[in-house]
Amino acid sequence: MTIARLAFTLTLALALIGSANAKHPVRPEQLHFSAEDEGVRHPVAIPTEVLAILGKDEMVKDILEDQNVSADTMPPSWFSASVVHLSANDEADLIVEGEPPVVGANITPFWVFCATDHGYELVLTARAHDLEVKKRRWKGHHVIVMSGETAVVFTGVEFRWNGNRYTEFREKSENLR
């Protein structure tokens, strides 16, 4: 095979690969969530079993009562969810973020669900301004950091996997200048 023919074949192969990728672009996984954003960037439908777990959350139950809504008729629009891969690439874990009326002033609740053989399991709940899934791993799961600030203090909390759920590993607070 001549150099020109090899170059042509290689160029054609690369063009076909590029064309195939253009038809099915790979969206990067959302790893940073913020109370500043309106929902998640790549929303997915929230499974019924996850909505049932959310309906049992104490804060959500208070809002249900205030809104005179039952957990069975709770609007899914109160939440947005994005798929993340906290441990294995074949497990579609979820990060769920509160939407109005399930939000506070400059803070939002986050719920982290891990996919299991038996459905979804709630493994972390916290309120924060930001949630970030780090590249670092602990016991096979990505580390999660939640942060927020007041007028005078910035606080960040690192959560690590303990084998069953995410637990607080360390908290760092700094005075703002």
N, C-alpha and C. Protein backbone atom coordinates (compact mmCIF):
# COMPACT_ATOMS: atom_id res chain seq x y z
N MET A 1 0.85 -1.17 0.00
CA MET A 1 0.00 0.00 0.00
C MET A 1 0.90 1.24 0.00
N THR A 2 0.58 2.17 -0.87
CA THR A 2 1.40 3.38 -0.97
C THR A 2 1.09 4.31 0.20
N ILE A 3 1.99 5.22 0.41
CA ILE A 3 1.82 6.21 1.48
C ILE A 3 0.56 7.04 1.22
N ALA A 4 0.33 7.43 -0.02
CA ALA A 4 -0.85 8.25 -0.35
C ALA A 4 -2.12 7.47 -0.06
N ARG A 5 -2.14 6.20 -0.43
CA ARG A 5 -3.33 5.38 -0.20
C ARG A 5 -3.56 5.16 1.30
N LEU A 6 -2.49 4.93 2.04
CA LEU A 6 -2.58 4.77 3.49
C LEU A 6 -3.11 6.04 4.15
N ALA A 7 -2.60 7.19 3.69
CA ALA A 7 -3.06 8.48 4.22
C ALA A 7 -4.53 8.69 3.91
N PHE A 8 -4.95 8.34 2.69
CA PHE A 8 -6.35 8.48 2.32
C PHE A 8 -7.24 7.58 3.19
N THR A 9 -6.83 6.33 3.37
CA THR A 9 -7.59 5.38 4.18
C THR A 9 -7.70 5.85 5.62
N LEU A 10 -6.60 6.33 6.17
CA LEU A 10 -6.61 6.84 7.54
C LEU A 10 -7.50 8.06 7.67
N THR A 11 -7.43 8.97 6.71
CA THR A 11 -8.26 10.18 6.73
C THR A 11 -9.73 9.81 6.66
N LEU A 12 -10.08 8.85 5.79
CA LEU A 12 -11.46 8.41 5.66
C LEU A 12 -11.95 7.77 6.95
N ALA A 13 -11.13 6.93 7.56
CA ALA A 13 -11.51 6.29 8.81
C ALA A 13 -11.75 7.32 9.91
N LEU A 14 -10.86 8.30 10.02
CA LEU A 14 -11.03 9.35 11.03
C LEU A 14 -12.29 10.18 10.77
N ALA A 15 -12.59 10.44 9.50
CA ALA A 15 -13.79 11.20 9.16
C ALA A 15 -15.05 10.42 9.54
N LEU A 16 -15.04 9.11 9.29
CA LEU A 16 -16.19 8.29 9.66
C LEU A 16 -16.38 8.23 11.16
N ILE A 17 -15.28 8.10 11.89
CA ILE A 17 -15.36 8.09 13.37
C ILE A 17 -15.89 9.43 13.87
N GLY A 18 -15.37 10.51 13.32
CA GLY A 18 -15.85 11.84 13.71
C GLY A 18 -17.31 12.03 13.40
N SER A 19 -17.77 11.50 12.25
CA SER A 19 -19.17 11.60 11.88
C SER A 19 -20.05 10.82 12.84
N ALA A 20 -19.61 9.63 13.22
CA ALA A 20 -20.37 8.81 14.17
C ALA A 20 -20.47 9.50 15.52
N ASN A 21 -19.37 10.13 15.96
CA ASN A 21 -19.39 10.83 17.24
C ASN A 21 -20.27 12.07 17.19
N ALA A 22 -20.36 12.73 16.03
CA ALA A 22 -21.18 13.92 15.90
C ALA A 22 -22.66 13.57 16.05
N LYS A 23 -23.05 12.37 15.61
CA LYS A 23 -24.44 11.95 15.71
C LYS A 23 -24.80 11.61 17.16
N HIS A 24 -23.85 11.13 17.92
CA HIS A 24 -24.07 10.74 19.32
C HIS A 24 -23.01 11.39 20.20
N PRO A 25 -23.12 12.72 20.37
CA PRO A 25 -22.09 13.38 21.18
C PRO A 25 -22.14 12.91 22.62
N VAL A 26 -20.98 12.81 23.22
CA VAL A 26 -20.87 12.41 24.62
C VAL A 26 -20.94 13.67 25.47
N ARG A 27 -21.95 13.72 26.35
CA ARG A 27 -22.07 14.87 27.24
C ARG A 27 -21.21 14.61 28.46
N PRO A 28 -20.42 15.59 28.83
CA PRO A 28 -19.64 15.39 30.06
C PRO A 28 -20.59 15.34 31.26
N GLU A 29 -20.23 14.50 32.19
CA GLU A 29 -21.03 14.33 33.39
C GLU A 29 -20.95 15.60 34.24
N GLN A 30 -22.06 16.03 34.78
CA GLN A 30 -22.06 17.20 35.65
C GLN A 30 -21.49 16.81 36.99
N LEU A 31 -20.43 17.51 37.39
CA LEU A 31 -19.76 17.22 38.65
C LEU A 31 -19.87 18.37 39.65
N HIS A 32 -20.39 19.50 39.21
CA HIS A 32 -20.56 20.65 40.09
C HIS A 32 -22.01 21.12 40.01
N PHE A 33 -22.63 21.26 41.18
CA PHE A 33 -24.02 21.68 41.28
C PHE A 33 -24.06 22.91 42.18
N SER A 34 -24.91 23.88 41.85
CA SER A 34 -24.92 25.13 42.61
C SER A 34 -26.34 25.64 42.80
N ALA A 35 -26.56 26.27 43.95
CA ALA A 35 -27.84 26.91 44.22
C ALA A 35 -28.06 28.08 43.27
N GLU A 36 -27.01 28.57 42.64
CA GLU A 36 -27.12 29.68 41.69
C GLU A 36 -27.76 29.24 40.38
N ASP A 37 -27.66 27.95 40.05
CA ASP A 37 -28.18 27.44 38.79
C ASP A 37 -29.66 27.13 38.90
N GLU A 38 -30.34 27.23 37.78
CA GLU A 38 -31.75 26.81 37.74
C GLU A 38 -31.78 25.35 37.33
N GLY A 39 -31.78 24.47 38.31
CA GLY A 39 -31.81 23.04 38.02
C GLY A 39 -30.44 22.52 37.62
N VAL A 40 -30.44 21.26 37.23
CA VAL A 40 -29.20 20.61 36.81
C VAL A 40 -29.02 20.80 35.31
N ARG A 41 -27.80 20.60 34.81
CA ARG A 41 -27.53 20.81 33.38
C ARG A 41 -28.06 19.70 32.49
N HIS A 42 -28.02 18.48 32.95
CA HIS A 42 -28.47 17.33 32.16
C HIS A 42 -29.54 16.58 32.93
N PRO A 43 -30.75 17.16 33.02
CA PRO A 43 -31.79 16.55 33.86
C PRO A 43 -32.26 15.20 33.32
N VAL A 44 -32.58 14.32 34.27
CA VAL A 44 -33.19 13.02 33.95
C VAL A 44 -34.47 12.90 34.76
N ALA A 45 -35.35 12.04 34.28
CA ALA A 45 -36.58 11.78 35.03
C ALA A 45 -36.22 11.12 36.36
N ILE A 46 -36.90 11.53 37.39
CA ILE A 46 -36.63 10.98 38.72
C ILE A 46 -37.49 9.73 38.90
N PRO A 47 -36.86 8.60 39.18
CA PRO A 47 -37.63 7.36 39.36
C PRO A 47 -38.64 7.48 40.51
N THR A 48 -39.75 6.79 40.36
CA THR A 48 -40.82 6.80 41.36
C THR A 48 -40.31 6.43 42.75
N GLU A 49 -39.42 5.43 42.81
CA GLU A 49 -38.91 5.01 44.12
C GLU A 49 -38.08 6.11 44.78
N VAL A 50 -37.39 6.92 43.99
CA VAL A 50 -36.61 8.04 44.53
C VAL A 50 -37.56 9.12 45.03
N LEU A 51 -38.61 9.42 44.27
CA LEU A 51 -39.60 10.40 44.72
C LEU A 51 -40.24 9.95 46.03
N ALA A 52 -40.49 8.65 46.18
CA ALA A 52 -41.08 8.14 47.43
C ALA A 52 -40.13 8.37 48.60
N ILE A 53 -38.83 8.18 48.39
CA ILE A 53 -37.85 8.42 49.45
C ILE A 53 -37.79 9.91 49.77
N LEU A 54 -37.82 10.75 48.76
CA LEU A 54 -37.79 12.20 48.97
C LEU A 54 -39.02 12.66 49.76
N GLY A 55 -40.17 12.03 49.50
CA GLY A 55 -41.40 12.39 50.20
C GLY A 55 -41.35 12.09 51.69
N LYS A 56 -40.39 11.27 52.12
CA LYS A 56 -40.23 10.94 53.54
C LYS A 56 -39.21 11.83 54.24
N ASP A 57 -38.51 12.68 53.49
CA ASP A 57 -37.53 13.60 54.06
C ASP A 57 -38.26 14.60 54.95
N GLU A 58 -37.72 14.86 56.15
CA GLU A 58 -38.38 15.74 57.11
C GLU A 58 -38.65 17.14 56.55
N MET A 59 -37.68 17.72 55.87
CA MET A 59 -37.88 19.05 55.31
C MET A 59 -38.96 19.02 54.24
N VAL A 60 -38.93 18.01 53.38
CA VAL A 60 -39.93 17.89 52.33
C VAL A 60 -41.31 17.66 52.93
N LYS A 61 -41.40 16.86 53.98
CA LYS A 61 -42.69 16.64 54.65
C LYS A 61 -43.26 17.94 55.20
N ASP A 62 -42.40 18.82 55.72
CA ASP A 62 -42.87 20.12 56.21
C ASP A 62 -43.43 20.95 55.06
N ILE A 63 -42.77 20.93 53.93
CA ILE A 63 -43.24 21.69 52.77
C ILE A 63 -44.54 21.10 52.23
N LEU A 64 -44.63 19.77 52.21
CA LEU A 64 -45.87 19.12 51.78
C LEU A 64 -47.03 19.58 52.65
N GLU A 65 -46.79 19.63 53.96
CA GLU A 65 -47.83 20.07 54.89
C GLU A 65 -48.20 21.53 54.64
N ASP A 66 -47.19 22.40 54.48
CA ASP A 66 -47.44 23.82 54.22
C ASP A 66 -48.21 24.03 52.92
N GLN A 67 -47.91 23.21 51.91
CA GLN A 67 -48.54 23.35 50.60
C GLN A 67 -49.85 22.56 50.50
N ASN A 68 -50.17 21.83 51.58
CA ASN A 68 -51.38 21.00 51.59
C ASN A 68 -51.38 19.98 50.44
N VAL A 69 -50.23 19.29 50.31
CA VAL A 69 -50.04 18.30 49.25
C VAL A 69 -49.63 16.99 49.92
N SER A 70 -50.13 15.88 49.40
CA SER A 70 -49.72 14.58 49.94
C SER A 70 -48.44 14.12 49.25
N ALA A 71 -47.71 13.24 49.91
CA ALA A 71 -46.47 12.72 49.33
C ALA A 71 -46.75 11.99 48.02
N ASP A 72 -47.92 11.38 47.91
CA ASP A 72 -48.28 10.65 46.68
C ASP A 72 -48.50 11.57 45.49
N THR A 73 -48.89 12.81 45.77
CA THR A 73 -49.16 13.75 44.68
C THR A 73 -48.10 14.86 44.60
N MET A 74 -46.99 14.66 45.28
CA MET A 74 -45.91 15.64 45.28
C MET A 74 -45.41 15.85 43.85
N PRO A 75 -45.34 17.10 43.40
CA PRO A 75 -44.89 17.34 42.03
C PRO A 75 -43.40 17.02 41.84
N PRO A 76 -43.06 16.24 40.83
CA PRO A 76 -41.64 15.97 40.54
C PRO A 76 -40.86 17.25 40.21
N SER A 77 -41.57 18.31 39.82
CA SER A 77 -40.91 19.57 39.48
C SER A 77 -40.27 20.23 40.69
N TRP A 78 -40.53 19.73 41.89
CA TRP A 78 -39.89 20.24 43.09
C TRP A 78 -38.42 19.83 43.16
N PHE A 79 -38.00 18.97 42.23
CA PHE A 79 -36.64 18.42 42.24
C PHE A 79 -36.10 18.36 40.82
N SER A 80 -34.79 18.38 40.71
CA SER A 80 -34.13 18.05 39.43
C SER A 80 -33.01 17.07 39.76
N ALA A 81 -32.75 16.18 38.81
CA ALA A 81 -31.76 15.13 39.06
C ALA A 81 -30.84 14.98 37.85
N SER A 82 -29.62 14.57 38.15
CA SER A 82 -28.62 14.31 37.12
C SER A 82 -27.92 12.99 37.44
N VAL A 83 -27.61 12.23 36.40
CA VAL A 83 -26.90 10.97 36.57
C VAL A 83 -25.42 11.26 36.80
N VAL A 84 -24.86 10.61 37.79
CA VAL A 84 -23.41 10.65 38.04
C VAL A 84 -22.94 9.22 38.26
N HIS A 85 -21.68 9.01 38.14
CA HIS A 85 -21.11 7.69 38.38
C HIS A 85 -20.14 7.83 39.55
N LEU A 86 -20.63 7.53 40.74
CA LEU A 86 -19.84 7.72 41.95
C LEU A 86 -18.84 6.61 42.18
N SER A 87 -19.12 5.42 41.68
CA SER A 87 -18.17 4.31 41.85
C SER A 87 -17.88 3.67 40.50
N ALA A 88 -18.77 2.85 40.00
CA ALA A 88 -18.54 2.15 38.73
C ALA A 88 -19.26 2.87 37.59
N ASN A 89 -18.67 2.78 36.40
CA ASN A 89 -19.26 3.46 35.24
C ASN A 89 -20.58 2.85 34.80
N ASP A 90 -20.87 1.63 35.21
CA ASP A 90 -22.12 1.00 34.79
C ASP A 90 -23.26 1.25 35.78
N GLU A 91 -22.99 1.98 36.85
CA GLU A 91 -24.03 2.30 37.83
C GLU A 91 -24.46 3.76 37.66
N ALA A 92 -25.74 3.96 37.39
CA ALA A 92 -26.27 5.30 37.18
C ALA A 92 -26.77 5.85 38.51
N ASP A 93 -25.86 6.44 39.29
CA ASP A 93 -26.22 7.07 40.55
C ASP A 93 -26.89 8.41 40.25
N LEU A 94 -27.55 9.00 41.23
CA LEU A 94 -28.26 10.26 41.02
C LEU A 94 -27.87 11.30 42.06
N ILE A 95 -27.75 12.52 41.60
CA ILE A 95 -27.71 13.66 42.52
C ILE A 95 -28.99 14.43 42.26
N VAL A 96 -29.76 14.62 43.33
CA VAL A 96 -31.03 15.33 43.24
C VAL A 96 -30.88 16.65 43.96
N GLU A 97 -31.38 17.69 43.33
CA GLU A 97 -31.29 19.05 43.85
C GLU A 97 -32.70 19.58 44.06
N GLY A 98 -32.92 20.27 45.16
CA GLY A 98 -34.23 20.86 45.40
C GLY A 98 -34.49 22.02 44.45
N GLU A 99 -35.74 22.15 44.06
CA GLU A 99 -36.23 23.28 43.25
C GLU A 99 -37.36 23.94 44.03
N PRO A 100 -37.74 25.16 43.66
CA PRO A 100 -38.84 25.79 44.40
C PRO A 100 -40.07 24.88 44.44
N PRO A 101 -40.68 24.75 45.59
CA PRO A 101 -40.50 25.47 46.84
C PRO A 101 -39.52 24.80 47.81
N VAL A 102 -38.73 23.84 47.33
CA VAL A 102 -37.84 23.08 48.21
C VAL A 102 -36.43 23.68 48.17
N VAL A 103 -36.33 24.98 48.36
CA VAL A 103 -35.03 25.65 48.39
C VAL A 103 -35.07 26.73 49.45
N GLY A 104 -33.91 27.17 49.85
CA GLY A 104 -33.82 28.25 50.82
C GLY A 104 -33.17 29.46 50.16
N ALA A 105 -32.85 30.44 50.98
CA ALA A 105 -32.18 31.64 50.48
C ALA A 105 -30.70 31.32 50.29
N ASN A 106 -30.26 31.26 49.05
CA ASN A 106 -28.84 31.02 48.72
C ASN A 106 -28.34 29.65 49.18
N ILE A 107 -29.26 28.71 49.32
CA ILE A 107 -28.89 27.36 49.74
C ILE A 107 -29.94 26.39 49.18
N THR A 108 -29.51 25.19 48.90
CA THR A 108 -30.45 24.19 48.38
C THR A 108 -30.15 22.84 49.01
N PRO A 109 -31.17 22.02 49.18
CA PRO A 109 -30.89 20.66 49.66
C PRO A 109 -30.42 19.79 48.51
N PHE A 110 -29.51 18.88 48.82
CA PHE A 110 -29.02 17.90 47.87
C PHE A 110 -29.24 16.52 48.47
N TRP A 111 -29.61 15.58 47.62
CA TRP A 111 -29.74 14.19 48.01
C TRP A 111 -28.91 13.37 47.03
N VAL A 112 -28.12 12.46 47.54
CA VAL A 112 -27.28 11.60 46.70
C VAL A 112 -27.80 10.18 46.84
N PHE A 113 -28.11 9.58 45.69
CA PHE A 113 -28.63 8.22 45.65
C PHE A 113 -27.66 7.33 44.88
N CYS A 114 -27.34 6.17 45.44
CA CYS A 114 -26.52 5.18 44.75
C CYS A 114 -27.42 4.08 44.20
N ALA A 115 -27.12 3.68 42.98
CA ALA A 115 -27.85 2.58 42.36
C ALA A 115 -27.36 1.28 42.99
N THR A 116 -28.30 0.41 43.36
CA THR A 116 -27.95 -0.90 43.92
C THR A 116 -28.71 -1.96 43.13
N ASP A 117 -28.46 -3.20 43.44
CA ASP A 117 -29.20 -4.30 42.80
C ASP A 117 -30.67 -4.27 43.18
N HIS A 118 -31.01 -3.55 44.26
CA HIS A 118 -32.38 -3.52 44.77
C HIS A 118 -33.04 -2.16 44.53
N GLY A 119 -32.47 -1.32 43.70
CA GLY A 119 -33.02 0.01 43.45
C GLY A 119 -32.07 1.08 43.95
N TYR A 120 -32.62 2.25 44.22
CA TYR A 120 -31.79 3.36 44.69
C TYR A 120 -31.77 3.43 46.20
N GLU A 121 -30.60 3.79 46.72
CA GLU A 121 -30.44 3.95 48.16
C GLU A 121 -29.94 5.37 48.44
N LEU A 122 -30.60 6.06 49.37
CA LEU A 122 -30.17 7.39 49.78
C LEU A 122 -28.91 7.27 50.61
N VAL A 123 -27.81 7.91 50.17
CA VAL A 123 -26.53 7.76 50.86
C VAL A 123 -25.98 9.08 51.40
N LEU A 124 -26.64 10.20 51.09
CA LEU A 124 -26.20 11.49 51.63
C LEU A 124 -27.31 12.52 51.42
N THR A 125 -27.56 13.29 52.46
CA THR A 125 -28.49 14.41 52.40
C THR A 125 -27.84 15.58 53.12
N ALA A 126 -27.81 16.73 52.48
CA ALA A 126 -27.28 17.93 53.13
C ALA A 126 -27.75 19.16 52.36
N ARG A 127 -27.73 20.28 53.05
CA ARG A 127 -28.04 21.57 52.43
C ARG A 127 -26.74 22.33 52.24
N ALA A 128 -26.60 22.93 51.08
CA ALA A 128 -25.38 23.67 50.78
C ALA A 128 -25.64 24.63 49.63
N HIS A 129 -24.68 25.47 49.37
CA HIS A 129 -24.73 26.33 48.18
C HIS A 129 -24.22 25.55 46.98
N ASP A 130 -23.16 24.77 47.19
CA ASP A 130 -22.55 24.00 46.10
C ASP A 130 -22.29 22.57 46.52
N LEU A 131 -22.38 21.67 45.57
CA LEU A 131 -21.98 20.28 45.74
C LEU A 131 -21.03 19.97 44.60
N GLU A 132 -19.87 19.42 44.94
CA GLU A 132 -18.89 19.07 43.91
C GLU A 132 -18.44 17.63 44.09
N VAL A 133 -18.50 16.86 43.00
CA VAL A 133 -17.99 15.50 42.98
C VAL A 133 -16.54 15.60 42.55
N LYS A 134 -15.63 15.22 43.42
CA LYS A 134 -14.19 15.33 43.15
C LYS A 134 -13.68 14.13 42.36
N LYS A 135 -12.55 14.30 41.71
CA LYS A 135 -11.90 13.18 41.00
C LYS A 135 -11.32 12.18 42.00
N ARG A 136 -10.93 12.69 43.17
CA ARG A 136 -10.38 11.84 44.23
C ARG A 136 -11.40 10.79 44.65
N ARG A 137 -10.91 9.63 45.00
CA ARG A 137 -11.79 8.56 45.46
C ARG A 137 -11.39 8.11 46.86
N TRP A 138 -12.37 7.56 47.56
CA TRP A 138 -12.14 6.96 48.87
C TRP A 138 -12.97 5.69 48.91
N LYS A 139 -12.30 4.56 49.13
CA LYS A 139 -12.96 3.25 49.14
C LYS A 139 -13.79 3.02 47.88
N GLY A 140 -13.24 3.45 46.74
CA GLY A 140 -13.87 3.19 45.45
C GLY A 140 -14.90 4.19 45.00
N HIS A 141 -15.27 5.14 45.84
CA HIS A 141 -16.28 6.15 45.50
C HIS A 141 -15.64 7.53 45.46
N HIS A 142 -16.15 8.36 44.56
CA HIS A 142 -15.66 9.74 44.49
C HIS A 142 -15.96 10.47 45.79
N VAL A 143 -15.05 11.33 46.19
CA VAL A 143 -15.24 12.20 47.34
C VAL A 143 -16.21 13.30 46.94
N ILE A 144 -17.08 13.71 47.85
CA ILE A 144 -18.04 14.79 47.61
C ILE A 144 -17.73 15.93 48.58
N VAL A 145 -17.70 17.15 48.06
CA VAL A 145 -17.50 18.34 48.89
C VAL A 145 -18.70 19.25 48.74
N MET A 146 -19.26 19.67 49.87
CA MET A 146 -20.34 20.65 49.87
C MET A 146 -19.84 21.91 50.55
N SER A 147 -20.28 23.04 50.01
CA SER A 147 -19.79 24.30 50.56
C SER A 147 -20.88 25.37 50.55
N GLY A 148 -20.62 26.39 51.35
CA GLY A 148 -21.51 27.53 51.43
C GLY A 148 -20.83 28.64 52.19
N GLU A 149 -21.44 29.81 52.16
CA GLU A 149 -20.85 30.92 52.90
C GLU A 149 -21.93 31.85 53.41
N THR A 150 -21.59 32.48 54.50
CA THR A 150 -22.42 33.54 55.05
C THR A 150 -21.71 34.85 54.70
N ALA A 151 -22.15 35.93 55.29
CA ALA A 151 -21.50 37.21 55.02
C ALA A 151 -20.07 37.24 55.54
N VAL A 152 -19.75 36.38 56.51
CA VAL A 152 -18.43 36.45 57.13
C VAL A 152 -17.63 35.15 57.11
N VAL A 153 -18.27 34.00 56.83
CA VAL A 153 -17.57 32.72 56.92
C VAL A 153 -17.86 31.84 55.70
N PHE A 154 -16.80 31.23 55.16
CA PHE A 154 -16.91 30.20 54.13
C PHE A 154 -16.72 28.85 54.81
N THR A 155 -17.59 27.90 54.52
CA THR A 155 -17.48 26.56 55.10
C THR A 155 -17.53 25.52 53.99
N GLY A 156 -16.61 24.58 54.07
CA GLY A 156 -16.59 23.44 53.15
C GLY A 156 -16.56 22.16 53.95
N VAL A 157 -17.35 21.17 53.51
CA VAL A 157 -17.40 19.89 54.21
C VAL A 157 -17.09 18.79 53.19
N GLU A 158 -16.12 17.96 53.53
CA GLU A 158 -15.75 16.84 52.68
C GLU A 158 -16.43 15.57 53.19
N PHE A 159 -17.09 14.87 52.28
CA PHE A 159 -17.75 13.62 52.61
C PHE A 159 -17.03 12.48 51.90
N ARG A 160 -16.82 11.39 52.65
CA ARG A 160 -16.17 10.21 52.09
C ARG A 160 -17.05 8.98 52.29
N TRP A 161 -16.87 8.03 51.42
CA TRP A 161 -17.62 6.78 51.46
C TRP A 161 -17.11 5.91 52.60
N ASN A 162 -18.02 5.39 53.43
CA ASN A 162 -17.59 4.54 54.54
C ASN A 162 -17.88 3.06 54.28
N GLY A 163 -18.29 2.73 53.08
CA GLY A 163 -18.63 1.36 52.73
C GLY A 163 -20.13 1.17 52.56
N ASN A 164 -20.92 2.08 53.17
CA ASN A 164 -22.38 2.02 53.08
C ASN A 164 -23.02 3.34 52.64
N ARG A 165 -22.39 4.42 53.03
CA ARG A 165 -22.95 5.75 52.73
C ARG A 165 -21.84 6.79 52.83
N TYR A 166 -22.16 8.03 52.48
CA TYR A 166 -21.21 9.12 52.63
C TYR A 166 -21.33 9.69 54.03
N THR A 167 -20.18 9.90 54.67
CA THR A 167 -20.15 10.50 56.00
C THR A 167 -19.16 11.67 55.99
N GLU A 168 -19.40 12.59 56.92
CA GLU A 168 -18.52 13.76 57.02
C GLU A 168 -17.13 13.32 57.43
N PHE A 169 -16.14 13.76 56.65
CA PHE A 169 -14.75 13.44 56.95
C PHE A 169 -14.08 14.63 57.64
N ARG A 170 -14.26 15.81 57.06
CA ARG A 170 -13.69 17.00 57.69
C ARG A 170 -14.46 18.24 57.25
N GLU A 171 -14.44 19.22 58.11
CA GLU A 171 -15.04 20.51 57.83
C GLU A 171 -13.99 21.58 57.95
N LYS A 172 -14.04 22.51 57.02
CA LYS A 172 -13.07 23.61 57.03
C LYS A 172 -13.85 24.92 56.92
N SER A 173 -13.60 25.82 57.87
CA SER A 173 -14.24 27.13 57.85
C SER A 173 -13.18 28.21 57.84
N GLU A 174 -13.44 29.24 57.08
CA GLU A 174 -12.50 30.38 56.99
C GLU A 174 -13.30 31.67 57.07
N ASN A 175 -12.75 32.64 57.77
CA ASN A 175 -13.35 33.96 57.77
C ASN A 175 -13.13 34.62 56.43
N LEU A 176 -14.16 35.26 55.91
CA LEU A 176 -14.03 36.02 54.67
C LEU A 176 -13.47 37.39 54.99
N ARG A 177 -12.70 37.93 54.10
CA ARG A 177 -12.09 39.25 54.35
C ARG A 177 -12.75 40.32 53.60
